[in-house]
Every structure is written in structure tokens, then in C-alpha cells.
């Protein structure tokens, strides 16, 4: 299959389909959604960390000379710091847990995010618009990173896409919660989330044409992808698991994280074992 077609398909899987899957979660009753979502978050953590440390980082280091190792490691560090700054500026971290909302009736932000301290409906609408903008940029970057992985290795691109989809589903559920709380109807919330997810495909296609002949830069895009997944898992998703500390819940979280790691590692190893050469 043509590489560009694969990139389009799997960026769509990581973007549009994750939105539709999140929309299905919204059809559940509130108490059921809150019960299911933490399990998805735990699995996403394992998937993200596995694709970063088992796939992206080793692949990146294989493509550079030893004297470039420090620069590549620095790229991962700069990437993590950069995503922190972008999250601050664009409000990337928005509600990764089912019970969290951007604003409540008293106007306060339950995650500590300050959207202007306004209690007005128009300000809540503005917060919703900012989230759509931030999610669009985030999805565009995801598309570039998926394409970079595909341009390096098709199987690496596939597992990278799966990792993106794994973490996007609980994130998209959070997006819906914020948009609905900001006054958007269910139809409009779905429309704007799908529209934002299309930037994943746009990013993938543009990256295909601009990165195809720039093989020397691919290891650094892979390092950037790894830093993105590490940051999301460690800074956004893991803290949400600490709200419950009982033994049963903790063991469930650990088991699902391990399942996420094992699944990605298994898929990665199977994919490479069936690859000629």
C-alpha cells in the first residue's frame, strides 16, 4: 500500500476515530462514564511509555552516530520542556479524567487552570474556543509525528498511531466535558472536536511531502514524539491516578498500565518479525 495512503489512514485512526469513540463514551450515564474512564487512562499511560521507550527512542538512536547521542538526548529534554511551555500557553492539559470539568457553576476551575476568573457565560465560551484551538495544534503535531514514524519504518508508524489513539480517547472525553460545560450543544461539541481532529491528517500529509527527503532530521522528530508521549503520560495522565489510593484501585491501575506496555511491545515485536530484511 502507498505510504501516503497509510499515513492518511492511521492519522485518521489516531484523530477522527478517537473522537467518535469518545462520543460513544458520552452516551453512557455519568456514573458509568466516570467508572470506565480511569481504566482507559491507565492503559493509555502504559501504551504511551512503551512506544516512547521501546520504539521511538531506540529507533532514533539507531539512526545517528555516537557523537550525536548527546544532541539527540538534548532534543528529548528540550521537547519535554517545550511541551510544558506549550501546554501553559495553549491550555493543552484539559481534563483527562471523567469527573473533571473546566468550569463549574461557581466559576472555579477544578484542575487549577485559570481561564480569567470570569463567571460569565461568554468567558466560558471563550474557554471552549481556546480548548478547540489548543487541541487542533496538538493534533497537528501528532500528525507530523505519526508521519515521521512512518517515514522511518511502517511498523513503527503503526504502533505510534495506536499509542496516539490510546491517549486521545480519554483526552477527547475531557474535551467533550469542557465544551458541554461551556454551553456547546452535543452536536456542536462533536462537530468542533471532529474538525479539530482533522488537523492530525493535515499534519501527516504535510509532513509526508516536507520530510520525505529529510532523513537526517527524522531521528529528532522521533525524539520529539517520544518527549511528547512521556510528557503527556507523566505530567497529565499519571497525576489523575493519584486521586484514589486504595489498594484495589492501585492494583487495577498497575495491571492496566502493564497491559498497555505489553500490548504495544507485543505489537511492535510481531510487526518487526514479519518485516522482510
C-alpha atoms as a PDB file:
ATOM      1  CA  UNK A   1       0.000   0.000   0.000  1.00  0.00           C
ATOM      2  CA  UNK A   2       1.186   3.507  -0.799  1.00  0.00           C
ATOM      3  CA  UNK A   3       2.913   5.163   2.162  1.00  0.00           C
ATOM      4  CA  UNK A   4       0.857   8.351   1.844  1.00  0.00           C
ATOM      5  CA  UNK A   5      -2.369   6.324   1.989  1.00  0.00           C
ATOM      6  CA  UNK A   6      -1.133   4.565   5.126  1.00  0.00           C
ATOM      7  CA  UNK A   7      -0.305   7.902   6.742  1.00  0.00           C
ATOM      8  CA  UNK A   8      -3.777   9.254   5.921  1.00  0.00           C
ATOM      9  CA  UNK A   9      -5.489   6.127   7.273  1.00  0.00           C
ATOM     10  CA  UNK A  10      -3.560   5.962  10.521  1.00  0.00           C
ATOM     11  CA  UNK A  11      -3.639   9.693  11.229  1.00  0.00           C
ATOM     12  CA  UNK A  12      -7.399   9.407  10.814  1.00  0.00           C
ATOM     13  CA  UNK A  13      -7.401   6.455  13.223  1.00  0.00           C
ATOM     14  CA  UNK A  14      -5.427   8.499  15.749  1.00  0.00           C
ATOM     15  CA  UNK A  15      -7.656  11.529  15.285  1.00  0.00           C
ATOM     16  CA  UNK A  16     -11.194  11.208  13.921  1.00  0.00           C
ATOM     17  CA  UNK A  17     -11.936   7.692  15.151  1.00  0.00           C
ATOM     18  CA  UNK A  18     -10.738   8.528  18.647  1.00  0.00           C
ATOM     19  CA  UNK A  19     -13.238  11.410  18.710  1.00  0.00           C
ATOM     20  CA  UNK A  20     -16.057   9.098  17.622  1.00  0.00           C
ATOM     21  CA  UNK A  21     -15.021   6.555  20.259  1.00  0.00           C
ATOM     22  CA  UNK A  22     -15.059   9.310  22.870  1.00  0.00           C
ATOM     23  CA  UNK A  23     -18.545  10.314  21.682  1.00  0.00           C
ATOM     24  CA  UNK A  24     -19.725   6.774  22.430  1.00  0.00           C
ATOM     25  CA  UNK A  25     -18.416   7.176  25.989  1.00  0.00           C
ATOM     26  CA  UNK A  26     -20.573  10.273  26.334  1.00  0.00           C
ATOM     27  CA  UNK A  27     -23.675   8.209  25.662  1.00  0.00           C
ATOM     28  CA  UNK A  28     -23.078   6.417  28.942  1.00  0.00           C
ATOM     29  CA  UNK A  29     -24.709   7.660  32.106  1.00  0.00           C
ATOM     30  CA  UNK A  30     -22.453   9.960  34.110  1.00  0.00           C
ATOM     31  CA  UNK A  31     -21.718   7.449  36.851  1.00  0.00           C
ATOM     32  CA  UNK A  32     -20.823   4.743  34.320  1.00  0.00           C
ATOM     33  CA  UNK A  33     -18.575   7.083  32.348  1.00  0.00           C
ATOM     34  CA  UNK A  34     -16.711   8.072  35.493  1.00  0.00           C
ATOM     35  CA  UNK A  35     -16.220   4.406  36.372  1.00  0.00           C
ATOM     36  CA  UNK A  36     -14.848   3.382  32.953  1.00  0.00           C
ATOM     37  CA  UNK A  37     -12.630   6.347  32.073  1.00  0.00           C
ATOM     38  CA  UNK A  38      -9.883   5.817  34.717  1.00  0.00           C
ATOM     39  CA  UNK A  39      -9.233   2.343  33.278  1.00  0.00           C
ATOM     40  CA  UNK A  40      -8.665   3.855  29.825  1.00  0.00           C
ATOM     41  CA  UNK A  41      -6.284   6.400  31.311  1.00  0.00           C
ATOM     42  CA  UNK A  42      -4.221   3.680  33.000  1.00  0.00           C
ATOM     43  CA  UNK A  43      -3.963   1.712  29.757  1.00  0.00           C
ATOM     44  CA  UNK A  44      -3.018   4.854  27.812  1.00  0.00           C
ATOM     45  CA  UNK A  45      -0.142   5.544  30.221  1.00  0.00           C
ATOM     46  CA  UNK A  46       1.381   2.135  29.546  1.00  0.00           C
ATOM     47  CA  UNK A  47       0.906   2.467  25.792  1.00  0.00           C
ATOM     48  CA  UNK A  48       2.487   5.915  25.636  1.00  0.00           C
ATOM     49  CA  UNK A  49       5.525   4.992  27.706  1.00  0.00           C
ATOM     50  CA  UNK A  50       6.054   1.734  25.821  1.00  0.00           C
ATOM     51  CA  UNK A  51       6.006   3.326  22.389  1.00  0.00           C
ATOM     52  CA  UNK A  52       8.382   6.046  23.613  1.00  0.00           C
ATOM     53  CA  UNK A  53      10.955   3.829  25.339  1.00  0.00           C
ATOM     54  CA  UNK A  54      10.526   0.589  23.368  1.00  0.00           C
ATOM     55  CA  UNK A  55      10.025   2.020  19.888  1.00  0.00           C
ATOM     56  CA  UNK A  56      10.731   5.689  19.246  1.00  0.00           C
ATOM     57  CA  UNK A  57      13.862   6.316  21.320  1.00  0.00           C
ATOM     58  CA  UNK A  58      15.751   3.138  20.276  1.00  0.00           C
ATOM     59  CA  UNK A  59      14.822   3.772  16.640  1.00  0.00           C
ATOM     60  CA  UNK A  60      16.049   7.353  16.849  1.00  0.00           C
ATOM     61  CA  UNK A  61      19.404   6.369  18.360  1.00  0.00           C
ATOM     62  CA  UNK A  62      19.913   3.655  15.733  1.00  0.00           C
ATOM     63  CA  UNK A  63      19.821   6.322  13.019  1.00  0.00           C
ATOM     64  CA  UNK A  64      22.511   8.641  14.402  1.00  0.00           C
ATOM     65  CA  UNK A  65      26.230   8.370  15.032  1.00  0.00           C
ATOM     66  CA  UNK A  66      27.557   8.051  18.602  1.00  0.00           C
ATOM     67  CA  UNK A  67      28.776  11.654  18.576  1.00  0.00           C
ATOM     68  CA  UNK A  68      25.135  12.745  18.062  1.00  0.00           C
ATOM     69  CA  UNK A  69      23.797  10.878  21.093  1.00  0.00           C
ATOM     70  CA  UNK A  70      24.062  13.878  23.399  1.00  0.00           C
ATOM     71  CA  UNK A  71      22.306  16.139  20.907  1.00  0.00           C
ATOM     72  CA  UNK A  72      19.521  13.593  20.479  1.00  0.00           C
ATOM     73  CA  UNK A  73      19.143  13.240  24.244  1.00  0.00           C
ATOM     74  CA  UNK A  74      19.035  17.030  24.471  1.00  0.00           C
ATOM     75  CA  UNK A  75      16.225  17.029  21.913  1.00  0.00           C
ATOM     76  CA  UNK A  76      14.158  14.803  24.198  1.00  0.00           C
ATOM     77  CA  UNK A  77      14.844  17.139  27.132  1.00  0.00           C
ATOM     78  CA  UNK A  78      14.011  20.268  25.125  1.00  0.00           C
ATOM     79  CA  UNK A  79      10.896  18.551  23.806  1.00  0.00           C
ATOM     80  CA  UNK A  80       9.605  17.798  27.303  1.00  0.00           C
ATOM     81  CA  UNK A  81      10.241  21.382  28.416  1.00  0.00           C
ATOM     82  CA  UNK A  82       8.733  22.696  25.189  1.00  0.00           C
ATOM     83  CA  UNK A  83       5.523  20.737  25.649  1.00  0.00           C
ATOM     84  CA  UNK A  84       5.272  22.122  29.162  1.00  0.00           C
ATOM     85  CA  UNK A  85       5.502  25.665  27.803  1.00  0.00           C
ATOM     86  CA  UNK A  86       3.017  24.940  25.011  1.00  0.00           C
ATOM     87  CA  UNK A  87       0.611  23.442  27.499  1.00  0.00           C
ATOM     88  CA  UNK A  88       0.826  26.604  29.560  1.00  0.00           C
ATOM     89  CA  UNK A  89       0.288  28.858  26.559  1.00  0.00           C
ATOM     90  CA  UNK A  90      -2.380  26.890  24.694  1.00  0.00           C
ATOM     91  CA  UNK A  91      -4.146  25.138  27.606  1.00  0.00           C
ATOM     92  CA  UNK A  92      -3.214  21.710  26.302  1.00  0.00           C
ATOM     93  CA  UNK A  93      -3.864  19.933  29.553  1.00  0.00           C
ATOM     94  CA  UNK A  94      -7.618  19.903  29.804  1.00  0.00           C
ATOM     95  CA  UNK A  95      -9.498  17.319  31.729  1.00  0.00           C
ATOM     96  CA  UNK A  96      -8.032  13.804  31.355  1.00  0.00           C
ATOM     97  CA  UNK A  97     -10.399  12.361  33.939  1.00  0.00           C
ATOM     98  CA  UNK A  98     -14.103  11.822  33.547  1.00  0.00           C
ATOM     99  CA  UNK A  99     -15.144  13.743  36.679  1.00  0.00           C
ATOM    100  CA  UNK A 100     -13.186  16.871  35.835  1.00  0.00           C
ATOM    101  CA  UNK A 101     -14.701  19.945  34.232  1.00  0.00           C
ATOM    102  CA  UNK A 102     -13.149  23.223  33.129  1.00  0.00           C
ATOM    103  CA  UNK A 103     -15.657  25.382  34.983  1.00  0.00           C
ATOM    104  CA  UNK A 104     -18.439  24.813  37.434  1.00  0.00           C
ATOM    105  CA  UNK A 105     -21.377  26.937  38.388  1.00  0.00           C
ATOM    106  CA  UNK A 106     -19.232  28.864  40.859  1.00  0.00           C
ATOM    107  CA  UNK A 107     -16.822  29.788  38.039  1.00  0.00           C
ATOM    108  CA  UNK A 108     -13.815  27.981  39.505  1.00  0.00           C
ATOM    109  CA  UNK A 109     -11.508  25.678  37.561  1.00  0.00           C
ATOM    110  CA  UNK A 110     -11.317  22.206  39.164  1.00  0.00           C
ATOM    111  CA  UNK A 111      -7.871  21.448  37.720  1.00  0.00           C
ATOM    112  CA  UNK A 112      -6.233  24.616  38.872  1.00  0.00           C
ATOM    113  CA  UNK A 113      -6.297  26.184  35.411  1.00  0.00           C
ATOM    114  CA  UNK A 114      -7.041  29.887  35.381  1.00  0.00           C
ATOM    115  CA  UNK A 115      -9.065  30.968  32.371  1.00  0.00           C
ATOM    116  CA  UNK A 116      -9.540  34.539  33.521  1.00  0.00           C
ATOM    117  CA  UNK A 117     -11.554  34.223  36.761  1.00  0.00           C
ATOM    118  CA  UNK A 118     -14.697  35.337  34.935  1.00  0.00           C
ATOM    119  CA  UNK A 119     -18.058  33.942  35.970  1.00  0.00           C
ATOM    120  CA  UNK A 120     -19.821  34.940  32.764  1.00  0.00           C
ATOM    121  CA  UNK A 121     -21.184  32.610  30.099  1.00  0.00           C
ATOM    122  CA  UNK A 122     -19.232  34.402  27.384  1.00  0.00           C
ATOM    123  CA  UNK A 123     -15.974  33.727  29.219  1.00  0.00           C
ATOM    124  CA  UNK A 124     -16.884  30.038  29.453  1.00  0.00           C
ATOM    125  CA  UNK A 125     -17.461  30.066  25.682  1.00  0.00           C
ATOM    126  CA  UNK A 126     -14.024  31.599  25.255  1.00  0.00           C
ATOM    127  CA  UNK A 127     -12.506  28.788  27.294  1.00  0.00           C
ATOM    128  CA  UNK A 128     -14.175  26.275  24.990  1.00  0.00           C
ATOM    129  CA  UNK A 129     -12.743  28.038  21.940  1.00  0.00           C
ATOM    130  CA  UNK A 130      -9.251  28.004  23.430  1.00  0.00           C
ATOM    131  CA  UNK A 131      -9.513  24.284  24.041  1.00  0.00           C
ATOM    132  CA  UNK A 132     -10.518  23.679  20.415  1.00  0.00           C
ATOM    133  CA  UNK A 133      -7.548  25.767  19.262  1.00  0.00           C
ATOM    134  CA  UNK A 134      -5.116  24.012  21.576  1.00  0.00           C
ATOM    135  CA  UNK A 135      -6.435  20.584  20.602  1.00  0.00           C
ATOM    136  CA  UNK A 136      -6.124  21.442  16.899  1.00  0.00           C
ATOM    137  CA  UNK A 137      -2.453  22.347  17.313  1.00  0.00           C
ATOM    138  CA  UNK A 138      -1.851  19.268  19.441  1.00  0.00           C
ATOM    139  CA  UNK A 139      -3.479  17.033  16.809  1.00  0.00           C
ATOM    140  CA  UNK A 140      -1.472  18.685  14.022  1.00  0.00           C
ATOM    141  CA  UNK A 141       1.751  17.875  15.869  1.00  0.00           C
ATOM    142  CA  UNK A 142       0.519  14.306  16.401  1.00  0.00           C
ATOM    143  CA  UNK A 143       0.021  14.006  12.642  1.00  0.00           C
ATOM    144  CA  UNK A 144       3.561  15.221  11.947  1.00  0.00           C
ATOM    145  CA  UNK A 145       4.978  12.777  14.490  1.00  0.00           C
ATOM    146  CA  UNK A 146       2.984   9.843  13.080  1.00  0.00           C
ATOM    147  CA  UNK A 147       4.182  10.669   9.571  1.00  0.00           C
ATOM    148  CA  UNK A 148       7.777  10.928  10.788  1.00  0.00           C
ATOM    149  CA  UNK A 149       7.468   7.466  12.317  1.00  0.00           C
ATOM    150  CA  UNK A 150       6.003   6.044   9.087  1.00  0.00           C
ATOM    151  CA  UNK A 151       8.773   7.602   7.010  1.00  0.00           C
ATOM    152  CA  UNK A 152      11.260   5.797   9.230  1.00  0.00           C
ATOM    153  CA  UNK A 153       9.501   2.436   9.460  1.00  0.00           C
ATOM    154  CA  UNK A 154       5.940   1.387   8.614  1.00  0.00           C
ATOM    155  CA  UNK A 155       5.567  -0.816  11.679  1.00  0.00           C
ATOM    156  CA  UNK A 156       6.871   1.954  13.924  1.00  0.00           C
ATOM    157  CA  UNK A 157       4.279   4.246  12.381  1.00  0.00           C
ATOM    158  CA  UNK A 158       1.510   1.766  13.152  1.00  0.00           C
ATOM    159  CA  UNK A 159       2.382   1.363  16.838  1.00  0.00           C
ATOM    160  CA  UNK A 160       2.871   5.132  17.134  1.00  0.00           C
ATOM    161  CA  UNK A 161      -0.627   5.647  15.722  1.00  0.00           C
ATOM    162  CA  UNK A 162      -2.034   3.119  18.208  1.00  0.00           C
ATOM    163  CA  UNK A 163      -0.363   4.972  21.064  1.00  0.00           C
ATOM    164  CA  UNK A 164      -1.822   8.269  19.852  1.00  0.00           C
ATOM    165  CA  UNK A 165      -5.300   6.739  19.636  1.00  0.00           C
ATOM    166  CA  UNK A 166      -4.914   5.197  23.113  1.00  0.00           C
ATOM    167  CA  UNK A 167      -4.277   8.518  24.801  1.00  0.00           C
ATOM    168  CA  UNK A 168      -6.582  10.590  22.580  1.00  0.00           C
ATOM    169  CA  UNK A 169      -9.761   8.756  23.591  1.00  0.00           C
ATOM    170  CA  UNK A 170      -9.754   9.749  27.288  1.00  0.00           C
ATOM    171  CA  UNK A 171      -8.484  13.198  26.305  1.00  0.00           C
ATOM    172  CA  UNK A 172     -11.347  13.672  23.837  1.00  0.00           C
ATOM    173  CA  UNK A 173     -13.843  12.685  26.527  1.00  0.00           C
ATOM    174  CA  UNK A 174     -12.380  15.511  28.606  1.00  0.00           C
ATOM    175  CA  UNK A 175     -12.739  17.863  25.644  1.00  0.00           C
ATOM    176  CA  UNK A 176     -16.429  16.996  25.337  1.00  0.00           C
ATOM    177  CA  UNK A 177     -16.988  17.600  29.039  1.00  0.00           C
ATOM    178  CA  UNK A 178     -15.427  21.057  28.821  1.00  0.00           C
ATOM    179  CA  UNK A 179     -17.272  22.056  25.631  1.00  0.00           C
ATOM    180  CA  UNK A 180     -20.621  20.929  27.007  1.00  0.00           C
ATOM    181  CA  UNK A 181     -19.963  22.835  30.231  1.00  0.00           C
ATOM    182  CA  UNK A 182     -19.026  25.887  28.154  1.00  0.00           C
ATOM    183  CA  UNK A 183     -22.511  25.932  26.613  1.00  0.00           C
ATOM    184  CA  UNK A 184     -21.968  23.960  23.405  1.00  0.00           C
ATOM    185  CA  UNK A 185     -24.705  21.556  22.357  1.00  0.00           C
ATOM    186  CA  UNK A 186     -23.784  17.887  21.964  1.00  0.00           C
ATOM    187  CA  UNK A 187     -23.955  18.279  18.180  1.00  0.00           C
ATOM    188  CA  UNK A 188     -21.675  21.310  18.128  1.00  0.00           C
ATOM    189  CA  UNK A 189     -19.252  19.739  20.588  1.00  0.00           C
ATOM    190  CA  UNK A 190     -18.974  16.689  18.317  1.00  0.00           C
ATOM    191  CA  UNK A 191     -18.620  18.852  15.189  1.00  0.00           C
ATOM    192  CA  UNK A 192     -15.825  21.021  16.605  1.00  0.00           C
ATOM    193  CA  UNK A 193     -13.956  18.043  18.039  1.00  0.00           C
ATOM    194  CA  UNK A 194     -14.096  16.237  14.683  1.00  0.00           C
ATOM    195  CA  UNK A 195     -12.967  19.438  12.961  1.00  0.00           C
ATOM    196  CA  UNK A 196     -10.021  19.740  15.356  1.00  0.00           C
ATOM    197  CA  UNK A 197      -9.119  16.082  14.808  1.00  0.00           C
ATOM    198  CA  UNK A 198      -8.818  16.652  11.036  1.00  0.00           C
ATOM    199  CA  UNK A 199      -5.630  18.591  11.701  1.00  0.00           C
ATOM    200  CA  UNK A 200      -3.998  15.237  12.503  1.00  0.00           C
ATOM    201  CA  UNK A 201      -4.489  14.191   8.871  1.00  0.00           C
ATOM    202  CA  UNK A 202      -3.365  17.622   7.642  1.00  0.00           C
ATOM    203  CA  UNK A 203      -0.198  17.399   9.719  1.00  0.00           C
ATOM    204  CA  UNK A 204       0.529  13.899   8.448  1.00  0.00           C
ATOM    205  CA  UNK A 205       0.087  14.799   4.782  1.00  0.00           C
ATOM    206  CA  UNK A 206       2.171  17.976   5.015  1.00  0.00           C
ATOM    207  CA  UNK A 207       4.886  16.086   6.865  1.00  0.00           C
ATOM    208  CA  UNK A 208       4.926  13.392   4.180  1.00  0.00           C
ATOM    209  CA  UNK A 209       5.776  15.903   1.466  1.00  0.00           C
ATOM    210  CA  UNK A 210       8.174  18.004   3.539  1.00  0.00           C
ATOM    211  CA  UNK A 211      10.014  15.264   5.438  1.00  0.00           C
ATOM    212  CA  UNK A 212      10.372  12.557   2.816  1.00  0.00           C
ATOM    213  CA  UNK A 213      13.780  13.786   1.646  1.00  0.00           C
ATOM    214  CA  UNK A 214      14.985  14.996   5.043  1.00  0.00           C
ATOM    215  CA  UNK A 215      16.128  11.697   6.528  1.00  0.00           C
ATOM    216  CA  UNK A 216      18.755  13.359   8.726  1.00  0.00           C
ATOM    217  CA  UNK A 217      16.033  15.157  10.671  1.00  0.00           C
ATOM    218  CA  UNK A 218      13.835  12.109  11.290  1.00  0.00           C
ATOM    219  CA  UNK A 219      15.663  10.940  14.444  1.00  0.00           C
ATOM    220  CA  UNK A 220      14.962  14.322  16.003  1.00  0.00           C
ATOM    221  CA  UNK A 221      11.269  14.178  15.105  1.00  0.00           C
ATOM    222  CA  UNK A 222      11.154  10.716  16.661  1.00  0.00           C
ATOM    223  CA  UNK A 223      12.836  12.126  19.780  1.00  0.00           C
ATOM    224  CA  UNK A 224      10.222  14.888  19.818  1.00  0.00           C
ATOM    225  CA  UNK A 225       7.467  12.283  19.535  1.00  0.00           C
ATOM    226  CA  UNK A 226       8.954  10.387  22.463  1.00  0.00           C
ATOM    227  CA  UNK A 227       9.172  13.546  24.580  1.00  0.00           C
ATOM    228  CA  UNK A 228       5.522  14.313  23.778  1.00  0.00           C
ATOM    229  CA  UNK A 229       4.344  10.869  24.886  1.00  0.00           C
ATOM    230  CA  UNK A 230       6.497  10.907  28.006  1.00  0.00           C
ATOM    231  CA  UNK A 231       5.251  14.367  28.971  1.00  0.00           C
ATOM    232  CA  UNK A 232       1.583  13.515  28.425  1.00  0.00           C
ATOM    233  CA  UNK A 233       1.872  10.268  30.389  1.00  0.00           C
ATOM    234  CA  UNK A 234       3.878  11.682  33.288  1.00  0.00           C
ATOM    235  CA  UNK A 235       2.531  15.239  33.570  1.00  0.00           C
ATOM    236  CA  UNK A 236      -1.091  14.812  32.516  1.00  0.00           C
ATOM    237  CA  UNK A 237      -2.259  11.249  32.984  1.00  0.00           C
ATOM    238  CA  UNK A 238      -0.343   9.804  35.946  1.00  0.00           C
ATOM    239  CA  UNK A 239      -1.326  12.600  38.410  1.00  0.00           C
ATOM    240  CA  UNK A 240      -5.008  11.829  37.750  1.00  0.00           C
ATOM    241  CA  UNK A 241      -4.469   8.289  39.054  1.00  0.00           C
ATOM    242  CA  UNK A 242      -3.318   9.553  42.442  1.00  0.00           C
ATOM    243  CA  UNK A 243      -6.779  10.816  43.371  1.00  0.00           C
ATOM    244  CA  UNK A 244      -7.570   7.279  44.534  1.00  0.00           C
ATOM    245  CA  UNK A 245      -5.043   5.492  46.729  1.00  0.00           C
ATOM    246  CA  UNK A 246      -6.839   2.379  47.972  1.00  0.00           C
ATOM    247  CA  UNK A 247      -5.100  -0.954  47.367  1.00  0.00           C
ATOM    248  CA  UNK A 248      -7.710  -2.397  44.985  1.00  0.00           C
ATOM    249  CA  UNK A 249      -7.746   0.640  42.705  1.00  0.00           C
ATOM    250  CA  UNK A 250      -3.955   0.938  42.781  1.00  0.00           C
ATOM    251  CA  UNK A 251      -3.517  -2.705  41.752  1.00  0.00           C
ATOM    252  CA  UNK A 252      -6.024  -2.214  38.913  1.00  0.00           C
ATOM    253  CA  UNK A 253      -4.107   0.833  37.712  1.00  0.00           C
ATOM    254  CA  UNK A 254      -0.778  -1.013  37.775  1.00  0.00           C
ATOM    255  CA  UNK A 255      -2.263  -4.012  35.951  1.00  0.00           C
ATOM    256  CA  UNK A 256      -3.743  -1.848  33.181  1.00  0.00           C
ATOM    257  CA  UNK A 257      -0.517   0.136  32.773  1.00  0.00           C
ATOM    258  CA  UNK A 258       1.389  -3.139  32.417  1.00  0.00           C
ATOM    259  CA  UNK A 259      -1.202  -4.374  29.905  1.00  0.00           C
ATOM    260  CA  UNK A 260      -0.690  -1.225  27.852  1.00  0.00           C
ATOM    261  CA  UNK A 261       3.076  -1.710  27.892  1.00  0.00           C
ATOM    262  CA  UNK A 262       2.885  -5.392  26.999  1.00  0.00           C
ATOM    263  CA  UNK A 263       0.393  -4.870  24.172  1.00  0.00           C
ATOM    264  CA  UNK A 264       2.475  -2.188  22.478  1.00  0.00           C
ATOM    265  CA  UNK A 265       5.698  -4.185  22.912  1.00  0.00           C
ATOM    266  CA  UNK A 266       3.996  -7.297  21.545  1.00  0.00           C
ATOM    267  CA  UNK A 267       2.594  -5.488  18.514  1.00  0.00           C
ATOM    268  CA  UNK A 268       5.951  -3.824  17.896  1.00  0.00           C
ATOM    269  CA  UNK A 269       7.856  -7.115  18.055  1.00  0.00           C
ATOM    270  CA  UNK A 270       5.344  -9.001  15.891  1.00  0.00           C
ATOM    271  CA  UNK A 271       5.359  -6.242  13.287  1.00  0.00           C
ATOM    272  CA  UNK A 272       9.161  -6.292  13.047  1.00  0.00           C
ATOM    273  CA  UNK A 273       9.309 -10.090  12.950  1.00  0.00           C
ATOM    274  CA  UNK A 274       7.164 -10.188   9.807  1.00  0.00           C
ATOM    275  CA  UNK A 275       9.066  -7.380   8.088  1.00  0.00           C
ATOM    276  CA  UNK A 276      11.391  -8.551   5.302  1.00  0.00           C
ATOM    277  CA  UNK A 277      15.020  -7.599   5.932  1.00  0.00           C
END
